[in-house]
């Protein structure tokens, strides 16, 4: 007695044949080395619109109001289990960052989406540390650093992030963060 369910059907196409002409997508989400940083070139984005965005949730990251941090405030976060000596090396800039992203001028929703994609791509590309530039809101006098505050909140929620801290002055100081990425096993 023959089982026709398990025998290959001559009319069923072969997966390899179907995928023969498919080409991988090129993208620029993560740039290796201390080279160029992705940057949004349009400087005249709407800061007011960013703070009035409709709440959305992307990758579990909300645009709902967060605790506002000060422009010059140093940020520091370590997930449970991160060693103190690793944090000291990260803070001193002794763990070289391998990719970077500049979120200046982006709306809250755009920045959240870009940051989420960037961190996932960094982990997928086995980056140990990355640089995230969020700015300090000095370009608009009297404005609070809204984007810095959101980035501080979002990075704490992303499972790929082991730790982060404000960068050394050469890499942006309190307007940027060194982010330690969890390695895939």
N, C-alpha and C. Protein backbone atom coordinates (compact mmCIF):
# COMPACT_ATOMS: atom_id res chain seq x y z
N UNK A 1 0.84 -1.19 0.00
CA UNK A 1 0.00 0.00 0.00
C UNK A 1 0.88 1.23 0.00
N UNK A 2 0.69 2.06 -0.94
CA UNK A 2 1.53 3.25 -1.10
C UNK A 2 0.84 4.48 -0.50
N UNK A 3 1.64 5.30 0.17
CA UNK A 3 1.12 6.53 0.80
C UNK A 3 1.36 7.70 -0.14
N UNK A 4 0.31 8.21 -0.75
CA UNK A 4 0.44 9.29 -1.73
C UNK A 4 0.65 10.64 -1.07
N UNK A 5 0.35 10.77 0.24
CA UNK A 5 0.53 12.05 0.91
C UNK A 5 2.00 12.44 1.03
N UNK A 6 2.88 11.44 1.23
CA UNK A 6 4.29 11.71 1.46
C UNK A 6 5.13 11.67 0.19
N UNK A 7 4.58 11.22 -0.90
CA UNK A 7 5.36 11.17 -2.13
C UNK A 7 5.29 12.52 -2.83
N UNK A 8 6.43 12.98 -3.37
CA UNK A 8 6.42 14.28 -4.04
C UNK A 8 5.53 14.26 -5.27
N UNK A 9 4.76 15.29 -5.41
CA UNK A 9 3.85 15.44 -6.54
C UNK A 9 4.60 16.13 -7.66
N UNK A 10 4.48 15.66 -8.85
CA UNK A 10 5.18 16.24 -9.98
C UNK A 10 4.70 17.66 -10.28
N UNK A 11 3.51 18.04 -9.83
CA UNK A 11 3.00 19.39 -10.08
C UNK A 11 3.43 20.37 -9.00
N UNK A 12 3.99 19.89 -7.88
CA UNK A 12 4.45 20.77 -6.80
C UNK A 12 5.81 21.35 -7.20
N UNK A 13 5.93 22.68 -7.24
CA UNK A 13 7.21 23.27 -7.65
C UNK A 13 8.28 23.09 -6.57
N UNK A 14 9.51 23.02 -7.00
CA UNK A 14 10.65 22.89 -6.11
C UNK A 14 11.00 24.28 -5.55
N UNK A 15 11.21 24.40 -4.25
CA UNK A 15 11.51 25.68 -3.61
C UNK A 15 12.76 26.32 -4.21
N UNK A 16 13.80 25.54 -4.45
CA UNK A 16 15.04 26.06 -5.03
C UNK A 16 14.80 26.67 -6.41
N UNK A 17 13.94 26.02 -7.20
CA UNK A 17 13.62 26.55 -8.53
C UNK A 17 12.86 27.87 -8.42
N UNK A 18 11.95 27.95 -7.43
CA UNK A 18 11.17 29.17 -7.25
C UNK A 18 12.05 30.35 -6.80
N UNK A 19 13.10 30.07 -6.05
CA UNK A 19 13.95 31.12 -5.49
C UNK A 19 15.19 31.41 -6.34
N UNK A 20 15.33 30.77 -7.47
CA UNK A 20 16.53 30.87 -8.29
C UNK A 20 16.85 32.31 -8.72
N UNK A 21 15.84 33.11 -9.03
CA UNK A 21 16.10 34.47 -9.52
C UNK A 21 15.97 35.53 -8.43
N UNK A 22 15.86 35.14 -7.16
CA UNK A 22 15.73 36.10 -6.06
C UNK A 22 17.11 36.62 -5.68
N UNK A 23 17.22 37.93 -5.53
CA UNK A 23 18.49 38.55 -5.15
C UNK A 23 18.33 39.20 -3.77
N UNK A 24 19.36 39.13 -2.91
CA UNK A 24 19.27 39.74 -1.58
C UNK A 24 19.13 41.25 -1.67
N UNK A 25 18.40 41.83 -0.72
CA UNK A 25 18.24 43.28 -0.67
C UNK A 25 19.50 43.92 -0.11
N UNK A 26 19.88 45.05 -0.65
CA UNK A 26 20.98 45.83 -0.08
C UNK A 26 20.37 46.86 0.84
N UNK A 27 21.00 47.09 1.99
CA UNK A 27 20.52 48.11 2.91
C UNK A 27 21.71 48.76 3.60
N UNK A 28 21.47 49.89 4.22
CA UNK A 28 22.53 50.63 4.90
C UNK A 28 22.21 50.83 6.38
N UNK A 29 21.52 49.91 6.97
CA UNK A 29 21.11 50.07 8.37
C UNK A 29 22.30 50.10 9.32
N UNK A 30 23.30 49.28 9.11
CA UNK A 30 24.45 49.25 9.99
C UNK A 30 25.69 49.45 9.15
N UNK A 31 26.52 50.39 9.54
CA UNK A 31 27.77 50.64 8.86
C UNK A 31 28.89 50.23 9.81
N UNK A 32 29.71 49.30 9.42
CA UNK A 32 30.80 48.81 10.27
C UNK A 32 31.89 49.86 10.40
N UNK A 33 32.65 49.77 11.47
CA UNK A 33 33.81 50.60 11.80
C UNK A 33 33.38 51.98 12.28
N UNK A 34 34.36 52.74 12.70
CA UNK A 34 34.10 54.09 13.19
C UNK A 34 33.92 55.05 12.02
N UNK A 35 33.40 54.56 10.95
CA UNK A 35 33.21 55.33 9.73
C UNK A 35 31.97 56.20 9.78
N UNK A 36 31.31 56.33 8.66
CA UNK A 36 30.18 57.26 8.56
C UNK A 36 29.01 56.86 9.44
N UNK A 37 28.30 57.87 9.88
CA UNK A 37 27.10 57.68 10.69
C UNK A 37 25.91 58.07 9.83
N UNK A 38 24.86 57.22 9.87
CA UNK A 38 23.65 57.57 9.14
C UNK A 38 23.10 58.85 9.72
N UNK A 39 22.65 59.73 8.87
CA UNK A 39 22.14 60.99 9.34
C UNK A 39 20.99 61.44 8.47
N UNK A 40 19.95 61.91 9.11
CA UNK A 40 18.82 62.46 8.37
C UNK A 40 19.24 63.86 7.90
N UNK A 41 19.29 64.06 6.60
CA UNK A 41 19.80 65.31 6.04
C UNK A 41 18.81 66.47 6.15
N UNK A 42 17.55 66.22 6.34
CA UNK A 42 16.61 67.34 6.40
C UNK A 42 16.59 67.91 7.81
N UNK A 43 17.21 69.06 7.99
CA UNK A 43 17.37 69.68 9.30
C UNK A 43 16.12 70.41 9.77
N UNK A 44 15.23 70.73 8.86
CA UNK A 44 14.08 71.56 9.21
C UNK A 44 12.85 70.71 9.52
N UNK A 45 13.01 69.73 10.37
CA UNK A 45 11.84 68.92 10.75
C UNK A 45 11.09 69.60 11.88
N UNK A 46 9.89 69.18 12.12
CA UNK A 46 8.98 69.88 13.02
C UNK A 46 9.04 69.32 14.43
N UNK A 47 9.74 70.05 15.31
CA UNK A 47 9.88 69.62 16.70
C UNK A 47 8.51 69.60 17.40
N UNK A 48 7.68 70.59 17.13
CA UNK A 48 6.35 70.62 17.76
C UNK A 48 5.53 69.41 17.34
N UNK A 49 5.62 69.03 16.07
CA UNK A 49 4.87 67.88 15.58
C UNK A 49 5.36 66.61 16.27
N UNK A 50 6.64 66.54 16.55
CA UNK A 50 7.19 65.35 17.21
C UNK A 50 6.61 65.16 18.59
N UNK A 51 6.38 66.24 19.30
CA UNK A 51 5.86 66.11 20.66
C UNK A 51 4.35 65.92 20.69
N UNK A 52 3.68 66.14 19.55
CA UNK A 52 2.23 65.99 19.49
C UNK A 52 1.80 64.77 18.69
N UNK A 53 2.74 63.86 18.40
CA UNK A 53 2.43 62.67 17.62
C UNK A 53 1.36 61.84 18.32
N UNK A 54 0.57 61.16 17.55
CA UNK A 54 -0.41 60.22 18.09
C UNK A 54 0.38 59.02 18.62
N UNK A 55 -0.02 58.53 19.79
CA UNK A 55 0.72 57.43 20.37
C UNK A 55 0.62 56.19 19.50
N UNK A 56 1.77 55.60 19.23
CA UNK A 56 1.86 54.34 18.53
C UNK A 56 2.83 53.47 19.29
N UNK A 57 2.76 52.19 19.08
CA UNK A 57 3.70 51.28 19.71
C UNK A 57 4.40 50.49 18.61
N UNK A 58 5.71 50.59 18.56
CA UNK A 58 6.52 49.87 17.60
C UNK A 58 7.53 49.06 18.38
N UNK A 59 7.58 47.76 18.14
CA UNK A 59 8.48 46.85 18.86
C UNK A 59 8.33 46.99 20.36
N UNK A 60 7.12 47.27 20.82
CA UNK A 60 6.89 47.41 22.25
C UNK A 60 7.31 48.76 22.80
N UNK A 61 7.79 49.66 21.93
CA UNK A 61 8.25 50.98 22.35
C UNK A 61 7.15 51.99 22.10
N UNK A 62 6.74 52.68 23.10
CA UNK A 62 5.62 53.61 23.02
C UNK A 62 6.11 55.03 22.80
N UNK A 63 5.25 55.86 22.21
CA UNK A 63 5.55 57.28 22.08
C UNK A 63 4.87 58.06 23.19
N UNK A 64 4.31 57.33 24.16
CA UNK A 64 3.67 57.96 25.30
C UNK A 64 4.71 58.76 26.09
N UNK A 65 4.28 59.79 26.79
CA UNK A 65 5.17 60.69 27.53
C UNK A 65 6.14 59.92 28.43
N UNK A 66 7.35 60.42 28.48
CA UNK A 66 8.40 59.83 29.31
C UNK A 66 8.93 60.89 30.27
N UNK A 67 9.72 60.45 31.24
CA UNK A 67 10.36 61.38 32.16
C UNK A 67 11.43 62.16 31.40
N UNK A 68 11.34 63.49 31.44
CA UNK A 68 12.27 64.34 30.70
C UNK A 68 13.58 64.45 31.48
N UNK A 69 14.69 64.20 30.77
CA UNK A 69 16.01 64.36 31.37
C UNK A 69 16.58 65.71 30.93
N UNK A 70 17.60 66.19 31.62
CA UNK A 70 18.21 67.48 31.29
C UNK A 70 19.24 67.32 30.16
N UNK A 71 19.49 68.41 29.43
CA UNK A 71 20.42 68.39 28.30
C UNK A 71 21.80 67.88 28.68
N UNK A 72 22.33 68.33 29.81
CA UNK A 72 23.69 67.96 30.22
C UNK A 72 23.72 66.74 31.13
N UNK A 73 22.57 66.15 31.42
CA UNK A 73 22.53 64.98 32.31
C UNK A 73 23.19 63.79 31.65
N UNK A 74 24.06 63.12 32.42
CA UNK A 74 24.68 61.90 31.94
C UNK A 74 23.72 60.74 32.13
N UNK A 75 23.60 59.91 31.12
CA UNK A 75 22.71 58.75 31.20
C UNK A 75 23.54 57.50 31.43
N UNK A 76 22.99 56.58 32.22
CA UNK A 76 23.69 55.35 32.56
C UNK A 76 22.67 54.26 32.83
N UNK A 77 22.87 53.10 32.20
CA UNK A 77 21.97 51.96 32.41
C UNK A 77 22.77 50.69 32.22
N UNK A 78 22.52 49.70 33.09
CA UNK A 78 23.12 48.37 32.92
C UNK A 78 22.07 47.34 33.30
N UNK A 79 21.87 46.37 32.45
CA UNK A 79 20.96 45.26 32.74
C UNK A 79 21.60 44.40 33.83
N UNK A 80 20.77 43.66 34.56
CA UNK A 80 21.33 42.78 35.59
C UNK A 80 22.36 41.83 34.99
N UNK A 81 23.48 41.68 35.69
CA UNK A 81 24.54 40.76 35.24
C UNK A 81 25.67 41.43 34.49
N UNK A 82 25.53 42.70 34.10
CA UNK A 82 26.62 43.39 33.40
C UNK A 82 27.67 43.76 34.45
N UNK A 83 28.90 43.37 34.20
CA UNK A 83 29.98 43.58 35.15
C UNK A 83 30.37 45.05 35.25
N UNK A 84 30.78 45.45 36.45
CA UNK A 84 31.18 46.84 36.69
C UNK A 84 32.37 47.23 35.81
N UNK A 85 33.33 46.32 35.66
CA UNK A 85 34.51 46.67 34.84
C UNK A 85 34.12 46.88 33.38
N UNK A 86 33.11 46.16 32.89
CA UNK A 86 32.64 46.36 31.52
C UNK A 86 32.00 47.74 31.41
N UNK A 87 31.22 48.13 32.41
CA UNK A 87 30.61 49.47 32.41
C UNK A 87 31.67 50.57 32.45
N UNK A 88 32.72 50.37 33.24
CA UNK A 88 33.81 51.36 33.30
C UNK A 88 34.48 51.51 31.95
N UNK A 89 34.72 50.39 31.27
CA UNK A 89 35.34 50.43 29.94
C UNK A 89 34.42 51.13 28.94
N UNK A 90 33.11 50.85 29.03
CA UNK A 90 32.14 51.47 28.13
C UNK A 90 32.12 52.98 28.35
N UNK A 91 32.06 53.41 29.61
CA UNK A 91 32.01 54.85 29.94
C UNK A 91 33.25 55.60 29.49
N UNK A 92 34.40 54.94 29.55
CA UNK A 92 35.65 55.59 29.14
C UNK A 92 35.85 55.56 27.62
N UNK A 93 34.94 54.89 26.93
CA UNK A 93 35.05 54.80 25.47
C UNK A 93 36.09 53.79 25.03
N UNK A 94 36.42 52.83 25.91
CA UNK A 94 37.44 51.82 25.59
C UNK A 94 36.87 50.62 24.85
N UNK A 95 35.57 50.55 24.69
CA UNK A 95 34.97 49.52 23.85
C UNK A 95 34.60 50.22 22.55
N UNK A 96 35.33 49.97 21.48
CA UNK A 96 35.10 50.71 20.23
C UNK A 96 33.71 50.44 19.65
N UNK A 97 33.05 51.52 19.24
CA UNK A 97 31.75 51.34 18.60
C UNK A 97 31.96 50.99 17.14
N UNK A 98 31.09 50.13 16.64
CA UNK A 98 31.24 49.59 15.29
C UNK A 98 30.26 50.17 14.28
N UNK A 99 29.23 50.84 14.77
CA UNK A 99 28.23 51.45 13.88
C UNK A 99 27.59 52.59 14.65
N UNK A 100 26.99 53.51 13.93
CA UNK A 100 26.35 54.64 14.59
C UNK A 100 25.12 55.11 13.84
N UNK A 101 24.26 55.81 14.59
CA UNK A 101 23.06 56.40 13.99
C UNK A 101 22.87 57.78 14.59
N UNK A 102 22.47 58.74 13.77
CA UNK A 102 22.20 60.10 14.22
C UNK A 102 20.71 60.36 14.10
N UNK A 103 20.06 60.59 15.23
CA UNK A 103 18.61 60.78 15.25
C UNK A 103 18.19 62.25 15.24
N UNK A 104 19.16 63.17 15.14
CA UNK A 104 18.86 64.61 15.14
C UNK A 104 17.75 64.95 14.16
N UNK A 105 16.81 65.76 14.60
CA UNK A 105 15.79 66.30 13.71
C UNK A 105 14.68 65.35 13.32
N UNK A 106 14.72 64.11 13.80
CA UNK A 106 13.66 63.17 13.45
C UNK A 106 12.46 63.36 14.37
N UNK A 107 11.29 63.01 13.88
CA UNK A 107 10.11 63.02 14.74
C UNK A 107 10.25 61.86 15.72
N UNK A 108 9.46 61.87 16.77
CA UNK A 108 9.50 60.81 17.77
C UNK A 108 9.24 59.45 17.13
N UNK A 109 8.21 59.36 16.30
CA UNK A 109 7.87 58.08 15.66
C UNK A 109 8.97 57.60 14.72
N UNK A 110 9.53 58.49 13.93
CA UNK A 110 10.60 58.12 13.01
C UNK A 110 11.83 57.68 13.78
N UNK A 111 12.19 58.42 14.82
CA UNK A 111 13.37 58.08 15.63
C UNK A 111 13.19 56.72 16.29
N UNK A 112 11.99 56.44 16.81
CA UNK A 112 11.73 55.16 17.47
C UNK A 112 11.90 54.02 16.47
N UNK A 113 11.33 54.18 15.28
CA UNK A 113 11.42 53.14 14.27
C UNK A 113 12.86 52.93 13.82
N UNK A 114 13.57 54.01 13.55
CA UNK A 114 14.96 53.93 13.11
C UNK A 114 15.85 53.30 14.18
N UNK A 115 15.66 53.71 15.44
CA UNK A 115 16.46 53.18 16.54
C UNK A 115 16.21 51.68 16.71
N UNK A 116 14.97 51.28 16.66
CA UNK A 116 14.62 49.87 16.80
C UNK A 116 15.26 49.03 15.70
N UNK A 117 15.14 49.48 14.45
CA UNK A 117 15.75 48.77 13.32
C UNK A 117 17.26 48.74 13.47
N UNK A 118 17.84 49.87 13.83
CA UNK A 118 19.30 49.98 13.96
C UNK A 118 19.84 49.00 15.01
N UNK A 119 19.21 48.94 16.18
CA UNK A 119 19.67 48.05 17.24
C UNK A 119 19.53 46.58 16.83
N UNK A 120 18.40 46.24 16.20
CA UNK A 120 18.23 44.86 15.73
C UNK A 120 19.27 44.49 14.68
N UNK A 121 19.53 45.43 13.74
CA UNK A 121 20.54 45.18 12.71
C UNK A 121 21.93 45.05 13.32
N UNK A 122 22.22 45.86 14.31
CA UNK A 122 23.52 45.80 14.97
C UNK A 122 23.72 44.43 15.62
N UNK A 123 22.69 43.93 16.28
CA UNK A 123 22.81 42.60 16.90
C UNK A 123 22.95 41.53 15.83
N UNK A 124 22.17 41.63 14.79
CA UNK A 124 22.23 40.65 13.69
C UNK A 124 23.62 40.64 13.04
N UNK A 125 24.28 41.81 13.01
CA UNK A 125 25.62 41.92 12.41
C UNK A 125 26.73 41.74 13.45
N UNK A 126 26.36 41.26 14.63
CA UNK A 126 27.32 40.95 15.70
C UNK A 126 28.14 42.14 16.16
N UNK A 127 27.56 43.32 16.15
CA UNK A 127 28.24 44.49 16.70
C UNK A 127 28.22 44.39 18.22
N UNK A 128 29.33 44.68 18.86
CA UNK A 128 29.37 44.64 20.32
C UNK A 128 28.90 45.96 20.91
N UNK A 129 29.32 47.07 20.29
CA UNK A 129 28.94 48.39 20.78
C UNK A 129 28.62 49.30 19.60
N UNK A 130 27.65 50.19 19.81
CA UNK A 130 27.25 51.15 18.78
C UNK A 130 27.13 52.53 19.41
N UNK A 131 27.07 53.54 18.57
CA UNK A 131 26.90 54.92 19.01
C UNK A 131 25.53 55.42 18.55
N UNK A 132 24.76 55.98 19.48
CA UNK A 132 23.46 56.56 19.16
C UNK A 132 23.53 58.04 19.50
N UNK A 133 23.42 58.91 18.49
CA UNK A 133 23.44 60.36 18.69
C UNK A 133 22.01 60.85 18.76
N UNK A 134 21.64 61.44 19.89
CA UNK A 134 20.26 61.93 20.09
C UNK A 134 20.20 63.43 20.22
N UNK A 135 21.31 64.09 20.49
CA UNK A 135 21.35 65.54 20.64
C UNK A 135 20.93 66.00 22.02
N UNK A 136 21.00 67.33 22.21
CA UNK A 136 20.70 67.92 23.52
C UNK A 136 19.62 68.98 23.46
N UNK A 137 19.07 69.25 22.31
CA UNK A 137 18.03 70.27 22.11
C UNK A 137 18.57 71.68 22.29
N UNK A 138 19.87 71.89 22.09
CA UNK A 138 20.44 73.23 22.22
C UNK A 138 20.07 74.13 21.04
N UNK A 139 19.70 73.53 19.91
CA UNK A 139 19.40 74.32 18.72
C UNK A 139 18.15 75.18 18.91
N UNK A 140 17.31 74.79 19.86
CA UNK A 140 16.09 75.55 20.11
C UNK A 140 16.10 75.99 21.56
N UNK A 141 16.42 77.25 21.78
CA UNK A 141 16.60 77.72 23.15
C UNK A 141 15.33 77.53 23.98
N UNK A 142 15.53 77.08 25.20
CA UNK A 142 14.42 76.87 26.11
C UNK A 142 13.72 75.52 25.94
N UNK A 143 14.09 74.76 24.91
CA UNK A 143 13.46 73.46 24.68
C UNK A 143 14.13 72.38 25.53
N UNK A 144 13.34 71.47 26.01
CA UNK A 144 13.84 70.31 26.74
C UNK A 144 14.29 69.26 25.73
N UNK A 145 15.26 68.42 26.10
CA UNK A 145 15.73 67.37 25.18
C UNK A 145 14.76 66.19 25.10
N UNK A 146 13.70 66.38 24.36
CA UNK A 146 12.64 65.37 24.26
C UNK A 146 13.17 64.08 23.65
N UNK A 147 13.90 64.17 22.56
CA UNK A 147 14.40 62.97 21.89
C UNK A 147 15.36 62.21 22.80
N UNK A 148 16.23 62.93 23.50
CA UNK A 148 17.16 62.30 24.45
C UNK A 148 16.38 61.52 25.51
N UNK A 149 15.31 62.10 25.99
CA UNK A 149 14.49 61.46 27.02
C UNK A 149 13.84 60.18 26.49
N UNK A 150 13.32 60.23 25.27
CA UNK A 150 12.69 59.04 24.69
C UNK A 150 13.74 57.94 24.44
N UNK A 151 14.89 58.32 23.89
CA UNK A 151 15.93 57.33 23.61
C UNK A 151 16.36 56.64 24.92
N UNK A 152 16.50 57.42 25.98
CA UNK A 152 16.83 56.87 27.30
C UNK A 152 15.80 55.81 27.70
N UNK A 153 14.54 56.08 27.49
CA UNK A 153 13.46 55.16 27.85
C UNK A 153 13.43 53.94 26.92
N UNK A 154 13.52 54.17 25.62
CA UNK A 154 13.42 53.08 24.65
C UNK A 154 14.55 52.06 24.80
N UNK A 155 15.78 52.55 24.96
CA UNK A 155 16.91 51.62 25.05
C UNK A 155 16.79 50.70 26.25
N UNK A 156 16.20 51.18 27.32
CA UNK A 156 16.00 50.35 28.52
C UNK A 156 15.01 49.22 28.25
N UNK A 157 14.14 49.41 27.27
CA UNK A 157 13.11 48.42 26.96
C UNK A 157 13.53 47.38 25.92
N UNK A 158 14.54 47.70 25.12
CA UNK A 158 14.94 46.79 24.05
C UNK A 158 15.73 45.61 24.60
N UNK A 159 15.30 44.39 24.32
CA UNK A 159 15.98 43.21 24.87
C UNK A 159 17.41 43.03 24.34
N UNK A 160 17.73 43.64 23.22
CA UNK A 160 19.07 43.52 22.64
C UNK A 160 20.10 44.38 23.37
N UNK A 161 19.65 45.33 24.20
CA UNK A 161 20.55 46.28 24.87
C UNK A 161 20.95 45.76 26.24
N UNK A 162 22.26 45.59 26.44
CA UNK A 162 22.79 45.17 27.74
C UNK A 162 23.05 46.37 28.64
N UNK A 163 23.57 47.45 28.03
CA UNK A 163 23.94 48.63 28.81
C UNK A 163 24.10 49.82 27.87
N UNK A 164 24.03 51.03 28.46
CA UNK A 164 24.38 52.23 27.71
C UNK A 164 24.82 53.31 28.67
N UNK A 165 25.58 54.26 28.14
CA UNK A 165 26.02 55.39 28.94
C UNK A 165 26.34 56.56 28.01
N UNK A 166 26.38 57.75 28.57
CA UNK A 166 26.72 58.93 27.78
C UNK A 166 28.12 58.77 27.22
N UNK A 167 28.31 59.29 26.01
CA UNK A 167 29.57 59.12 25.29
C UNK A 167 30.64 60.09 25.79
N UNK A 168 31.87 59.84 25.41
CA UNK A 168 32.98 60.75 25.65
C UNK A 168 32.76 61.99 24.76
N UNK A 169 33.37 63.10 25.14
CA UNK A 169 33.20 64.36 24.40
C UNK A 169 33.54 64.20 22.92
N UNK A 170 34.56 63.42 22.60
CA UNK A 170 34.98 63.24 21.19
C UNK A 170 33.89 62.58 20.34
N UNK A 171 32.95 61.86 20.99
CA UNK A 171 31.88 61.15 20.27
C UNK A 171 30.51 61.79 20.48
N UNK A 172 30.44 62.95 21.11
CA UNK A 172 29.16 63.63 21.27
C UNK A 172 28.77 63.93 22.71
N UNK A 173 29.57 63.48 23.68
CA UNK A 173 29.30 63.78 25.09
C UNK A 173 27.89 63.39 25.51
N UNK A 174 27.22 64.28 26.24
CA UNK A 174 25.87 63.97 26.73
C UNK A 174 24.81 64.06 25.63
N UNK A 175 25.22 64.29 24.40
CA UNK A 175 24.30 64.29 23.26
C UNK A 175 24.34 62.97 22.50
N UNK A 176 25.07 61.98 23.06
CA UNK A 176 25.19 60.68 22.39
C UNK A 176 25.38 59.59 23.45
N UNK A 177 25.16 58.36 23.03
CA UNK A 177 25.28 57.22 23.94
C UNK A 177 26.11 56.11 23.31
N UNK A 178 26.94 55.48 24.14
CA UNK A 178 27.55 54.21 23.76
C UNK A 178 26.56 53.14 24.22
N UNK A 179 26.23 52.22 23.32
CA UNK A 179 25.26 51.17 23.64
C UNK A 179 25.94 49.81 23.46
N UNK A 180 25.89 49.00 24.51
CA UNK A 180 26.45 47.66 24.49
C UNK A 180 25.34 46.69 24.07
N UNK A 181 25.61 45.91 23.03
CA UNK A 181 24.61 45.04 22.43
C UNK A 181 24.82 43.60 22.89
N UNK A 182 23.71 42.93 23.20
CA UNK A 182 23.74 41.51 23.58
C UNK A 182 24.14 40.70 22.36
N UNK A 183 25.09 39.80 22.54
CA UNK A 183 25.57 38.99 21.44
C UNK A 183 24.69 37.76 21.23
N UNK A 184 24.47 37.39 19.98
CA UNK A 184 23.72 36.17 19.67
C UNK A 184 24.58 34.98 20.02
N UNK A 185 23.98 33.97 20.55
CA UNK A 185 24.73 32.75 20.91
C UNK A 185 24.43 31.66 19.91
